[in-house]
Amino acid sequence: MDEIVDKWDVGGLSLLTLDKYTPSVTLKDYKKVEIGGIVYQSEIVYDMPNTIAIPMVKDDLVGKNVKYL
């Protein structure tokens, strides 16, 4: 699991910067992530290392862990 270190809300998405991006799988191998017990549909983020995107969330997710589903 990776920890969220920063969050930006842009264009209906929350961009989550991770302390590292460790899944040995690629986005095509997982479609959802679990954060704080809630499952989100993940989106592809191009040209932004260690970053994933989910539909916009108002909650502060910094410090929470991401589980890849």
Protein backbone atom coordinates (compact mmCIF):
# COMPACT_ATOMS: atom_id res chain seq x y z
CA MET A 1 0.00 0.00 0.00
CA ASP A 2 1.09 3.53 -0.70
CA GLU A 3 0.48 6.64 1.38
CA ILE A 4 -1.14 9.79 -0.04
CA VAL A 5 1.16 12.79 0.49
CA ASP A 6 -0.73 15.47 -1.46
CA LYS A 7 -4.14 16.04 -3.09
CA TRP A 8 -5.34 18.46 -5.77
CA ASP A 9 -8.88 18.82 -7.07
CA VAL A 10 -8.90 19.55 -10.81
CA GLY A 11 -11.64 19.18 -13.42
CA GLY A 12 -13.88 16.88 -11.41
CA LEU A 13 -11.01 14.65 -10.28
CA SER A 14 -8.92 14.42 -7.14
CA LEU A 15 -5.27 13.91 -8.09
CA LEU A 16 -3.48 11.99 -5.37
CA THR A 17 0.30 12.12 -5.11
CA LEU A 18 1.70 9.02 -3.43
CA ASP A 19 4.87 8.58 -1.40
CA LYS A 20 5.74 5.86 -3.89
CA TYR A 21 3.89 4.02 -6.61
CA THR A 22 4.58 0.40 -5.83
CA PRO A 23 1.99 -1.85 -7.40
CA SER A 24 3.72 -4.39 -9.59
CA VAL A 25 0.67 -4.07 -11.78
CA THR A 26 -0.25 -1.34 -14.22
CA LEU A 27 -3.52 0.57 -14.34
CA LYS A 28 -4.84 -1.97 -16.83
CA ASP A 29 -4.47 -4.61 -14.08
CA TYR A 30 -6.50 -2.71 -11.46
CA LYS A 31 -9.53 -0.54 -11.98
CA LYS A 32 -10.36 0.56 -8.45
CA VAL A 33 -8.60 1.69 -5.31
CA GLU A 34 -9.67 1.59 -1.69
CA ILE A 35 -8.92 4.58 0.53
CA GLY A 36 -10.15 4.79 4.10
CA GLY A 37 -12.54 1.89 3.56
CA ILE A 38 -14.19 3.50 0.52
CA VAL A 39 -13.74 2.09 -3.00
CA TYR A 40 -13.14 4.55 -5.87
CA GLN A 41 -12.88 4.10 -9.63
CA SER A 42 -9.33 5.11 -10.60
CA GLU A 43 -8.37 7.11 -13.69
CA ILE A 44 -5.18 7.23 -15.72
CA VAL A 45 -2.86 10.19 -15.04
CA TYR A 46 -0.27 10.80 -17.73
CA ASP A 47 3.04 12.60 -17.17
CA MET A 48 2.61 12.87 -13.39
CA PRO A 49 4.82 10.41 -11.56
CA ASN A 50 3.51 8.77 -8.38
CA THR A 51 0.01 10.12 -9.03
CA ILE A 52 -3.39 8.50 -9.41
CA ALA A 53 -6.79 10.12 -9.97
CA ILE A 54 -10.22 9.36 -8.55
CA PRO A 55 -13.56 11.17 -8.86
CA MET A 56 -13.42 14.40 -6.84
CA VAL A 57 -13.58 13.87 -3.08
CA LYS A 58 -14.03 16.76 -0.64
CA ASP A 59 -12.42 14.84 2.25
CA ASP A 60 -8.77 15.34 3.14
CA LEU A 61 -7.12 12.08 2.08
CA VAL A 62 -3.52 13.08 2.89
CA GLY A 63 -1.91 10.51 5.16
CA LYS A 64 -4.28 7.71 4.18
CA ASN A 65 -3.18 4.50 2.45
CA VAL A 66 -4.20 3.34 -1.02
CA LYS A 67 -5.06 -0.31 -1.61
CA TYR A 68 -5.18 -1.43 -5.25
CA LEU A 69 -8.16 -3.60 -6.25
